[in-house]
């Protein structure tokens, strides 16, 4: 009885901690005390977004300043160690992320605000932001609230007896990883049906040219983040874009474009697409640019009658982390559920640098794959993808003369504003307010819920990928490469 009561109290405490992270309503912000018009307008905006289901988990809404949003990279800064100019730059990044998310949420409303009201919303936000900035301890408050909550539900872990239930899960994961590692780049499937997808042709950049682009980007802001211009970023994406060799059993193994029709989403395989977005990471004092490429399949096909991983929609993310000298530091990949995190070191800084003690870790680790990987690749990478489960089974150089289907490259954020094919003027997001793709639920969630990952197996929005079932780790953790590679 005492144990049950204690367990109930723990679960309530964890639930309360999660609730306390909910952003303050605009109606309660002291910065709007003397502005009834803005308080009413911003409160209505907040209410419409929540009631009409257009809320997006694009960044973390900051509790006391709901017009600001953070992500794990921005949260890795602390204003106490920044100059005044750097603080301004950091704040502008938080403000811009909040503005970007707000525009998406407003555009996806079924009952939209007039153009005048949308303009007034931005005027009110700017006025509120100026008022908030007058507080002497503004940045101290911001430091306390900018941290992004992790994507684990600890109440579920408590109820699921996590210390016990994680043991068989971890054992199964290690067996699976050992098999994948043994067979990586060893598959002989030349005769199997497959389709090769390649990006649009482009002039090849030299390492020096890439380095200069990154240097100019870092010098453009006080924080030295390699934020490059849109045209230069597009050039980098095209330069490092991979080719994909997908082995095919059926239509579910065809790469396509996510489309929406009357709020139903599907993959149009007649138009293969790679979605791209930049991110940033830290590596032993350096701030590095990452190029993310994402492809979608209509489904993950069942490989048996009891396949718990099968379901509608399936996605792969391939990430390229660039050194400041213009070379590739490392590749890594996940499925869009956050599953199967793999690292592919190719730089001298990472190739032989991962610690020998990784095998002693008592949690799920990313699988580090080196067998047959190209060293310091100068040609395009070819990623081999298995049929049905869409596992990455090999990485090699792409031969330009290979017959291939050209794919289109689109911004990732288009997935948050899908134009409805049958309802002109209407748009919706692939993702719900929790960052999940509702149509992608997997049966495995009923088995893995004690691991604390909500809707395990479901596809997710960037920034919401928990990548360890038995530990606590996220794909967008800015120190994730430092965890597994020593400093050379």
Protein backbone atom coordinates (compact mmCIF):
# COMPACT_ATOMS: atom_id res chain seq x y z
CA UNK A 1 0.00 0.00 0.00
CA UNK A 2 2.82 2.38 0.90
CA UNK A 3 4.64 1.47 -2.34
CA UNK A 4 1.52 2.11 -4.43
CA UNK A 5 0.97 5.48 -2.79
CA UNK A 6 4.62 6.46 -3.31
CA UNK A 7 4.47 5.38 -6.94
CA UNK A 8 1.32 7.45 -7.46
CA UNK A 9 3.01 10.51 -5.93
CA UNK A 10 6.08 10.07 -8.15
CA UNK A 11 3.93 9.82 -11.29
CA UNK A 12 1.96 12.92 -10.27
CA UNK A 13 5.18 14.82 -9.63
CA UNK A 14 6.54 13.89 -13.04
CA UNK A 15 3.28 14.86 -14.70
CA UNK A 16 3.28 18.16 -12.84
CA UNK A 17 6.82 18.89 -13.97
CA UNK A 18 5.76 18.37 -17.57
CA UNK A 19 2.71 20.62 -17.18
CA UNK A 20 4.80 23.43 -15.68
CA UNK A 21 6.58 23.75 -19.03
CA UNK A 22 3.41 24.94 -20.78
CA UNK A 23 3.97 28.50 -22.06
CA UNK A 24 2.17 31.29 -20.26
CA UNK A 25 -1.03 32.54 -21.88
CA UNK A 26 -0.70 35.93 -23.56
CA UNK A 27 -3.63 37.07 -21.43
CA UNK A 28 -1.44 36.73 -18.32
CA UNK A 29 1.74 38.40 -19.54
CA UNK A 30 2.61 41.50 -17.53
CA UNK A 31 4.08 43.12 -20.65
CA UNK A 32 0.52 43.44 -22.01
CA UNK A 33 -1.08 44.88 -18.87
CA UNK A 34 -1.52 48.31 -20.46
CA UNK A 35 -2.40 47.14 -23.95
CA UNK A 36 -5.89 45.63 -24.05
CA UNK A 37 -5.92 45.47 -27.85
CA UNK A 38 -2.73 43.40 -28.15
CA UNK A 39 -3.63 41.21 -25.17
CA UNK A 40 -6.98 40.35 -26.78
CA UNK A 41 -5.52 39.79 -30.25
CA UNK A 42 -2.62 37.60 -29.10
CA UNK A 43 -4.86 35.61 -26.76
CA UNK A 44 -7.25 34.94 -29.65
CA UNK A 45 -4.32 33.88 -31.81
CA UNK A 46 -3.16 31.42 -29.17
CA UNK A 47 -6.68 30.08 -28.71
CA UNK A 48 -7.32 29.59 -32.44
CA UNK A 49 -4.02 27.78 -32.96
CA UNK A 50 -4.75 25.37 -30.12
CA UNK A 51 -8.43 24.81 -30.92
CA UNK A 52 -7.93 24.34 -34.67
CA UNK A 53 -5.00 21.97 -34.20
CA UNK A 54 -2.33 23.91 -36.05
CA UNK A 55 0.13 23.99 -33.14
CA UNK A 56 3.61 22.79 -34.18
CA UNK A 57 6.40 21.30 -32.06
CA UNK A 58 8.91 23.27 -34.11
CA UNK A 59 11.27 24.31 -31.36
CA UNK A 60 10.50 24.68 -27.66
CA UNK A 61 8.11 27.50 -26.72
CA UNK A 62 9.68 29.42 -23.84
CA UNK A 63 7.43 29.62 -20.78
CA UNK A 64 7.56 33.33 -19.92
CA UNK A 65 8.12 34.50 -23.50
CA UNK A 66 5.84 32.39 -25.73
CA UNK A 67 6.83 34.33 -28.85
CA UNK A 68 10.38 32.93 -28.49
CA UNK A 69 11.41 29.37 -29.28
CA UNK A 70 14.54 27.43 -28.53
CA UNK A 71 16.16 24.26 -29.79
CA UNK A 72 18.88 22.11 -28.27
CA UNK A 73 21.66 23.89 -30.14
CA UNK A 74 20.51 27.37 -29.09
CA UNK A 75 19.97 26.10 -25.54
CA UNK A 76 23.65 25.11 -25.41
CA UNK A 77 24.56 28.81 -25.13
CA UNK A 78 24.51 30.66 -21.80
CA UNK A 79 24.17 34.42 -21.72
CA UNK A 80 26.59 34.70 -18.78
CA UNK A 81 29.46 33.73 -21.08
CA UNK A 82 28.36 35.96 -23.99
CA UNK A 83 29.26 39.53 -24.86
CA UNK A 84 26.45 42.04 -25.32
CA UNK A 85 26.71 41.66 -29.09
CA UNK A 86 26.58 37.87 -28.81
CA UNK A 87 23.55 38.10 -26.51
CA UNK A 88 21.73 40.13 -29.15
CA UNK A 89 22.58 37.59 -31.82
CA UNK A 90 21.45 34.69 -29.60
CA UNK A 91 18.20 36.47 -28.78
CA UNK A 92 17.57 37.15 -32.48
CA UNK A 93 17.97 33.44 -33.22
CA UNK A 94 15.35 32.61 -30.55
CA UNK A 95 13.03 35.31 -31.87
CA UNK A 96 13.39 34.24 -35.50
CA UNK A 97 12.67 30.61 -34.65
CA UNK A 98 9.53 31.70 -32.81
CA UNK A 99 8.44 33.86 -35.74
CA UNK A 100 9.00 31.03 -38.22
CA UNK A 101 6.89 28.61 -36.19
CA UNK A 102 4.15 31.20 -35.64
CA UNK A 103 3.85 31.90 -39.38
CA UNK A 104 3.41 28.20 -40.07
CA UNK A 105 0.75 27.85 -37.37
CA UNK A 106 -1.16 30.89 -38.63
CA UNK A 107 -1.00 29.76 -42.26
CA UNK A 108 -2.43 26.35 -41.34
CA UNK A 109 -5.49 27.74 -39.54
CA UNK A 110 -8.78 26.64 -41.10
CA UNK A 111 -10.26 29.99 -40.04
CA UNK A 112 -7.47 32.42 -40.76
CA UNK A 113 -6.86 35.93 -39.53
CA UNK A 114 -7.21 38.77 -42.01
CA UNK A 115 -4.03 40.16 -43.51
CA UNK A 116 -4.47 43.27 -41.36
CA UNK A 117 -4.81 41.20 -38.18
CA UNK A 118 -1.74 39.15 -39.09
CA UNK A 119 0.25 42.35 -39.49
CA UNK A 120 -1.07 43.63 -36.16
CA UNK A 121 -0.09 40.36 -34.47
CA UNK A 122 3.52 40.99 -35.51
CA UNK A 123 3.31 44.63 -34.37
CA UNK A 124 2.03 43.48 -30.98
CA UNK A 125 4.72 40.79 -30.69
CA UNK A 126 7.44 43.35 -31.43
CA UNK A 127 6.00 45.74 -28.83
CA UNK A 128 5.78 42.97 -26.23
CA UNK A 129 9.35 41.89 -26.98
CA UNK A 130 10.64 45.45 -26.51
CA UNK A 131 8.79 45.71 -23.20
CA UNK A 132 10.18 42.40 -21.96
CA UNK A 133 13.71 43.40 -22.88
CA UNK A 134 13.58 46.37 -20.49
CA UNK A 135 13.70 44.01 -17.50
CA UNK A 136 17.14 44.15 -15.88
CA UNK A 137 17.27 40.39 -15.35
CA UNK A 138 15.78 39.45 -18.73
CA UNK A 139 18.68 37.26 -19.87
CA UNK A 140 18.90 35.55 -16.48
CA UNK A 141 15.26 34.51 -16.85
CA UNK A 142 15.97 33.41 -20.40
CA UNK A 143 18.90 31.24 -19.30
CA UNK A 144 16.60 29.43 -16.87
CA UNK A 145 13.86 28.73 -19.43
CA UNK A 146 15.67 28.17 -22.71
CA UNK A 147 16.53 24.52 -22.00
CA UNK A 148 14.54 22.11 -24.17
CA UNK A 149 12.72 19.34 -22.26
CA UNK A 150 13.71 15.87 -23.37
CA UNK A 151 11.38 13.62 -25.35
CA UNK A 152 10.97 10.93 -22.71
CA UNK A 153 7.92 10.33 -20.49
CA UNK A 154 9.30 9.38 -17.09
CA UNK A 155 5.88 8.57 -15.69
CA UNK A 156 5.65 5.79 -18.27
CA UNK A 157 9.09 4.56 -17.25
CA UNK A 158 8.05 4.43 -13.61
CA UNK A 159 4.80 2.59 -14.35
CA UNK A 160 6.59 0.29 -16.78
CA UNK A 161 9.23 -0.74 -14.23
CA UNK A 162 11.91 0.62 -16.53
CA UNK A 163 14.98 -0.71 -14.64
CA UNK A 164 13.68 -4.23 -15.24
CA UNK A 165 11.93 -4.00 -18.60
CA UNK A 166 14.88 -2.24 -20.24
CA UNK A 167 17.07 -5.35 -19.80
CA UNK A 168 15.45 -7.58 -22.45
CA UNK A 169 15.03 -4.57 -24.78
CA UNK A 170 18.74 -3.72 -24.50
CA UNK A 171 19.72 -7.35 -25.05
CA UNK A 172 17.59 -7.56 -28.22
CA UNK A 173 19.01 -4.28 -29.52
CA UNK A 174 22.61 -5.41 -29.05
CA UNK A 175 21.93 -8.69 -30.88
CA UNK A 176 20.35 -6.79 -33.77
CA UNK A 177 23.22 -4.28 -33.92
CA UNK A 178 25.82 -7.05 -33.97
CA UNK A 179 24.09 -8.63 -36.96
CA UNK A 180 23.85 -5.32 -38.83
CA UNK A 181 27.52 -4.54 -38.18
CA UNK A 182 28.64 -7.98 -39.36
CA UNK A 183 26.77 -7.64 -42.65
CA UNK A 184 27.35 -3.94 -43.36
CA UNK A 185 28.71 -3.40 -46.87
CA UNK A 186 28.77 -7.19 -47.31
CA UNK A 187 25.49 -7.68 -49.13
CA UNK A 188 25.73 -9.12 -52.65
CA UNK A 189 22.45 -7.95 -54.16
CA UNK A 190 23.44 -6.78 -57.65
CA UNK A 191 20.83 -9.04 -59.23
CA UNK A 192 18.02 -7.92 -56.91
CA UNK A 193 15.49 -5.37 -58.27
CA UNK A 194 16.46 -1.84 -57.28
CA UNK A 195 16.09 1.82 -58.18
CA UNK A 196 18.90 4.36 -57.89
CA UNK A 197 17.90 7.93 -57.09
CA UNK A 198 20.40 10.72 -57.66
CA UNK A 199 20.25 14.46 -56.98
CA UNK A 200 20.30 17.10 -59.73
CA UNK A 201 23.64 17.59 -61.46
CA UNK A 202 25.73 20.49 -60.15
CA UNK A 203 29.26 21.90 -60.38
CA UNK A 204 31.53 20.21 -57.87
CA UNK A 205 32.90 22.39 -55.05
CA UNK A 206 36.46 21.95 -53.89
CA UNK A 207 37.17 21.52 -50.19
CA UNK A 208 38.66 25.02 -50.15
CA UNK A 209 35.51 26.50 -51.68
CA UNK A 210 33.36 24.78 -49.05
CA UNK A 211 35.70 26.01 -46.32
CA UNK A 212 35.42 29.62 -47.54
CA UNK A 213 31.62 29.41 -47.55
CA UNK A 214 31.65 28.11 -43.98
CA UNK A 215 34.16 30.74 -42.88
CA UNK A 216 32.09 33.58 -44.36
CA UNK A 217 28.99 32.19 -42.63
CA UNK A 218 30.72 32.06 -39.25
CA UNK A 219 32.08 35.58 -39.66
CA UNK A 220 28.63 36.95 -40.47
CA UNK A 221 27.44 36.76 -36.85
CA UNK A 222 28.83 37.41 -33.40
CA UNK A 223 28.29 33.82 -32.23
CA UNK A 224 30.44 32.39 -35.06
CA UNK A 225 27.66 29.99 -36.07
CA UNK A 226 28.25 28.98 -39.72
CA UNK A 227 24.94 30.47 -40.91
CA UNK A 228 25.44 30.76 -44.66
CA UNK A 229 23.25 32.62 -47.14
CA UNK A 230 20.32 30.82 -48.74
CA UNK A 231 21.99 30.49 -52.19
CA UNK A 232 25.21 29.20 -50.63
CA UNK A 233 23.31 26.78 -48.44
CA UNK A 234 21.50 25.43 -51.48
CA UNK A 235 24.87 24.98 -53.19
CA UNK A 236 26.21 23.02 -50.21
CA UNK A 237 23.12 20.81 -50.10
CA UNK A 238 23.52 19.95 -53.77
CA UNK A 239 27.25 19.37 -53.37
CA UNK A 240 26.92 16.80 -50.57
CA UNK A 241 23.57 15.26 -51.52
CA UNK A 242 23.74 11.46 -51.58
CA UNK A 243 22.45 9.02 -54.15
CA UNK A 244 20.17 6.26 -52.88
CA UNK A 245 20.07 2.68 -54.14
CA UNK A 246 16.78 1.24 -52.87
CA UNK A 247 16.09 -2.46 -53.31
CA UNK A 248 12.44 -2.94 -54.15
CA UNK A 249 9.83 -5.57 -53.46
CA UNK A 250 6.81 -3.39 -54.20
CA UNK A 251 5.53 0.20 -54.32
CA UNK A 252 6.26 0.67 -50.59
CA UNK A 253 9.96 0.76 -51.49
CA UNK A 254 9.63 3.74 -53.85
CA UNK A 255 10.85 7.18 -52.78
CA UNK A 256 8.28 9.94 -53.20
CA UNK A 257 6.85 13.30 -52.22
CA UNK A 258 4.54 13.80 -49.24
CA UNK A 259 1.22 15.22 -50.47
CA UNK A 260 -2.05 16.12 -48.76
CA UNK A 261 -5.62 15.69 -49.96
CA UNK A 262 -8.50 16.62 -47.64
CA UNK A 263 -6.17 16.27 -44.62
CA UNK A 264 -5.10 12.77 -45.67
CA UNK A 265 -1.38 12.38 -46.39
CA UNK A 266 0.24 10.00 -48.83
CA UNK A 267 3.50 9.53 -50.73
CA UNK A 268 3.42 10.35 -54.43
CA UNK A 269 6.04 7.97 -55.83
CA UNK A 270 5.81 9.50 -59.31
CA UNK A 271 7.86 12.43 -57.98
CA UNK A 272 10.87 11.32 -55.88
CA UNK A 273 11.92 14.04 -53.43
CA UNK A 274 14.61 14.62 -50.83
CA UNK A 275 13.74 17.14 -48.10
CA UNK A 276 16.63 19.17 -46.74
CA UNK A 277 17.31 21.28 -43.67
CA UNK A 278 20.40 22.66 -41.90
CA UNK A 279 21.32 22.10 -38.27
CA UNK A 280 24.34 22.89 -36.12
CA UNK A 281 26.46 21.00 -33.64
CA UNK A 282 29.44 21.43 -31.34
CA UNK A 283 32.67 19.49 -31.65
CA UNK A 284 35.33 20.30 -29.07
CA UNK A 285 34.99 24.07 -29.21
CA UNK A 286 34.00 24.33 -32.87
CA UNK A 287 30.53 25.15 -34.18
CA UNK A 288 29.82 23.03 -37.25
CA UNK A 289 27.17 23.01 -39.97
CA UNK A 290 25.16 19.86 -40.58
CA UNK A 291 23.27 19.07 -43.79
CA UNK A 292 20.21 16.86 -43.31
CA UNK A 293 18.57 14.91 -46.14
CA UNK A 294 15.27 13.09 -45.69
CA UNK A 295 13.43 10.68 -47.98
CA UNK A 296 9.96 9.16 -47.57
CA UNK A 297 8.43 5.82 -48.51
CA UNK A 298 4.68 5.02 -48.62
CA UNK A 299 5.06 2.35 -45.92
CA UNK A 300 7.27 -0.09 -44.13
CA UNK A 301 6.01 -3.44 -45.37
CA UNK A 302 5.43 -6.32 -42.98
CA UNK A 303 8.11 -9.00 -43.25
CA UNK A 304 6.02 -11.49 -41.28
CA UNK A 305 2.51 -11.83 -39.87
CA UNK A 306 3.72 -10.51 -36.50
CA UNK A 307 5.95 -7.63 -37.68
CA UNK A 308 5.50 -4.95 -35.00
CA UNK A 309 7.49 -2.37 -36.98
CA UNK A 310 5.32 -2.33 -40.10
CA UNK A 311 2.95 0.52 -40.89
CA UNK A 312 2.05 3.44 -43.10
CA UNK A 313 4.75 5.98 -44.03
CA UNK A 314 8.45 5.44 -43.43
CA UNK A 315 11.33 7.88 -43.57
CA UNK A 316 15.13 7.98 -43.52
CA UNK A 317 17.36 10.88 -42.46
CA UNK A 318 20.98 11.13 -43.63
CA UNK A 319 23.10 13.80 -41.92
CA UNK A 320 26.42 15.22 -43.09
CA UNK A 321 28.54 17.08 -40.50
CA UNK A 322 31.11 19.38 -42.11
CA UNK A 323 34.54 20.23 -40.75
CA UNK A 324 35.60 23.87 -40.84
CA UNK A 325 38.15 22.90 -43.53
CA UNK A 326 35.33 21.87 -45.89
CA UNK A 327 35.70 18.12 -45.47
CA UNK A 328 33.18 15.71 -43.99
CA UNK A 329 33.67 15.02 -40.28
CA UNK A 330 31.16 12.17 -40.10
CA UNK A 331 27.90 10.91 -41.48
CA UNK A 332 25.07 9.61 -39.36
CA UNK A 333 21.54 8.38 -39.99
CA UNK A 334 18.27 7.52 -38.32
CA UNK A 335 14.85 6.39 -39.40
CA UNK A 336 12.31 9.16 -38.95
CA UNK A 337 11.01 7.46 -35.81
CA UNK A 338 14.38 8.16 -34.15
CA UNK A 339 15.25 4.47 -34.41
CA UNK A 340 18.45 2.79 -35.60
CA UNK A 341 20.93 5.59 -35.03
CA UNK A 342 24.12 4.82 -36.97
CA UNK A 343 27.42 6.74 -37.16
CA UNK A 344 29.77 6.54 -40.15
CA UNK A 345 33.13 8.18 -39.33
CA UNK A 346 35.16 9.14 -42.41
CA UNK A 347 37.46 11.91 -41.16
CA UNK A 348 40.88 11.44 -39.60
CA UNK A 349 39.38 13.25 -36.60
CA UNK A 350 36.80 10.50 -36.09
CA UNK A 351 37.86 7.43 -38.04
CA UNK A 352 40.00 5.90 -35.27
CA UNK A 353 38.97 8.12 -32.40
CA UNK A 354 35.97 6.45 -30.81
CA UNK A 355 36.64 5.12 -27.34
CA UNK A 356 37.28 1.46 -26.66
CA UNK A 357 34.95 1.63 -23.68
CA UNK A 358 31.75 2.07 -25.71
CA UNK A 359 30.91 -1.61 -25.34
CA UNK A 360 30.83 -1.18 -21.58
CA UNK A 361 27.97 1.33 -21.70
CA UNK A 362 24.80 -0.13 -20.25
CA UNK A 363 22.44 1.52 -22.73
CA UNK A 364 21.54 1.63 -26.40
CA UNK A 365 24.33 3.29 -28.36
CA UNK A 366 24.49 4.35 -31.98
CA UNK A 367 25.99 1.69 -34.19
CA UNK A 368 29.41 2.88 -35.42
CA UNK A 369 30.09 1.50 -38.90
CA UNK A 370 33.48 1.71 -40.61
CA UNK A 371 33.70 -1.45 -42.74
CA UNK A 372 34.14 -0.48 -46.38
CA UNK A 373 33.41 3.21 -45.81
CA UNK A 374 35.07 5.56 -48.32
CA UNK A 375 37.86 7.59 -46.75
CA UNK A 376 37.73 11.35 -47.27
CA UNK A 377 35.07 10.94 -49.95
CA UNK A 378 35.38 13.29 -52.89
CA UNK A 379 32.72 11.69 -55.07
CA UNK A 380 29.05 11.42 -54.30
CA UNK A 381 28.02 8.88 -51.67
CA UNK A 382 25.71 6.00 -52.62
CA UNK A 383 23.51 4.73 -49.78
CA UNK A 384 22.14 1.22 -50.16
CA UNK A 385 18.72 0.65 -48.60
CA UNK A 386 17.18 -2.76 -48.00
CA UNK A 387 13.68 -3.52 -49.26
CA UNK A 388 10.70 -3.54 -46.86
CA UNK A 389 12.43 -2.48 -43.60
CA UNK A 390 14.51 0.27 -45.30
CA UNK A 391 17.64 -0.44 -43.25
CA UNK A 392 20.83 1.16 -44.53
CA UNK A 393 22.95 -1.85 -45.48
CA UNK A 394 25.87 -0.21 -47.24
CA UNK A 395 27.60 3.05 -48.14
CA UNK A 396 29.98 3.43 -51.07
CA UNK A 397 31.07 5.87 -53.77
CA UNK A 398 28.53 6.69 -56.45
CA UNK A 399 29.63 6.10 -60.02
CA UNK A 400 28.36 9.00 -62.11
CA UNK A 401 27.71 6.87 -65.18
CA UNK A 402 25.24 4.70 -63.26
CA UNK A 403 21.68 4.80 -64.63
CA UNK A 404 19.52 6.60 -62.10
CA UNK A 405 16.29 8.52 -61.52
CA UNK A 406 16.81 12.17 -60.62
CA UNK A 407 15.11 13.31 -57.43
CA UNK A 408 13.93 16.81 -56.56
CA UNK A 409 15.31 18.70 -53.55
CA UNK A 410 12.78 20.61 -51.42
CA UNK A 411 12.91 22.51 -48.10
CA UNK A 412 12.03 20.32 -45.12
CA UNK A 413 9.60 22.90 -43.73
CA UNK A 414 7.30 22.28 -46.69
CA UNK A 415 6.23 19.22 -44.69
CA UNK A 416 4.70 21.58 -42.12
CA UNK A 417 2.67 23.46 -44.78
CA UNK A 418 1.32 20.87 -47.19
CA UNK A 419 -0.98 22.42 -49.79
CA UNK A 420 -4.25 20.53 -50.05
CA UNK A 421 -4.65 19.23 -53.60
CA UNK A 422 -8.46 19.33 -53.46
CA UNK A 423 -8.99 22.45 -51.34
CA UNK A 424 -7.20 25.49 -52.80
CA UNK A 425 -5.92 27.91 -50.19
CA UNK A 426 -5.85 25.30 -47.41
CA UNK A 427 -2.71 23.83 -45.92
CA UNK A 428 -1.87 21.50 -43.06
CA UNK A 429 1.15 19.94 -41.43
CA UNK A 430 2.32 16.36 -41.64
CA UNK A 431 3.01 16.60 -37.89
CA UNK A 432 0.68 17.09 -34.93
CA UNK A 433 1.20 19.33 -31.90
CA UNK A 434 3.49 16.73 -30.31
CA UNK A 435 5.67 16.49 -33.40
CA UNK A 436 4.29 13.07 -34.37
CA UNK A 437 2.94 11.88 -37.73
CA UNK A 438 -0.48 10.50 -36.67
CA UNK A 439 -0.83 8.17 -39.68
CA UNK A 440 2.47 6.41 -38.93
CA UNK A 441 1.62 4.59 -35.67
CA UNK A 442 3.32 1.22 -35.19
CA UNK A 443 2.19 -1.83 -33.16
CA UNK A 444 5.56 -1.79 -31.37
CA UNK A 445 4.30 1.10 -29.22
CA UNK A 446 2.24 -1.39 -27.20
CA UNK A 447 5.38 -3.36 -26.37
CA UNK A 448 7.90 -0.55 -25.88
CA UNK A 449 5.87 1.98 -23.88
CA UNK A 450 7.83 1.24 -20.65
CA UNK A 451 10.89 2.78 -22.36
CA UNK A 452 9.18 6.18 -22.04
CA UNK A 453 9.18 7.05 -25.75
CA UNK A 454 5.71 8.21 -26.69
CA UNK A 455 4.26 6.35 -29.69
CA UNK A 456 7.48 4.40 -30.27
CA UNK A 457 7.92 3.73 -33.98
CA UNK A 458 5.93 6.76 -35.18
CA UNK A 459 7.58 9.23 -37.55
CA UNK A 460 8.54 12.57 -35.98
CA UNK A 461 9.31 16.21 -36.63
CA UNK A 462 12.93 17.36 -36.49
CA UNK A 463 13.93 18.17 -32.90
CA UNK A 464 11.73 15.44 -31.42
CA UNK A 465 13.83 12.34 -32.10
CA UNK A 466 14.71 10.35 -28.99
CA UNK A 467 17.41 7.95 -30.24
CA UNK A 468 17.95 5.66 -27.24
CA UNK A 469 15.22 3.39 -25.93
CA UNK A 470 17.20 2.41 -22.84
CA UNK A 471 18.96 5.71 -22.12
CA UNK A 472 18.33 9.42 -22.72
CA UNK A 473 19.68 10.86 -25.97
CA UNK A 474 18.40 12.98 -28.84
CA UNK A 475 19.44 13.21 -32.48
CA UNK A 476 19.72 17.02 -32.24
CA UNK A 477 21.86 16.99 -29.08
CA UNK A 478 24.66 19.44 -29.96
CA UNK A 479 27.23 17.37 -28.06
CA UNK A 480 26.24 14.01 -29.51
CA UNK A 481 29.40 13.56 -31.60
CA UNK A 482 31.60 14.43 -28.64
CA UNK A 483 30.01 11.54 -26.74
CA UNK A 484 31.36 8.98 -29.16
CA UNK A 485 34.48 10.50 -30.69
CA UNK A 486 37.57 11.52 -28.75
CA UNK A 487 39.38 14.76 -29.49
CA UNK A 488 42.30 14.34 -31.91
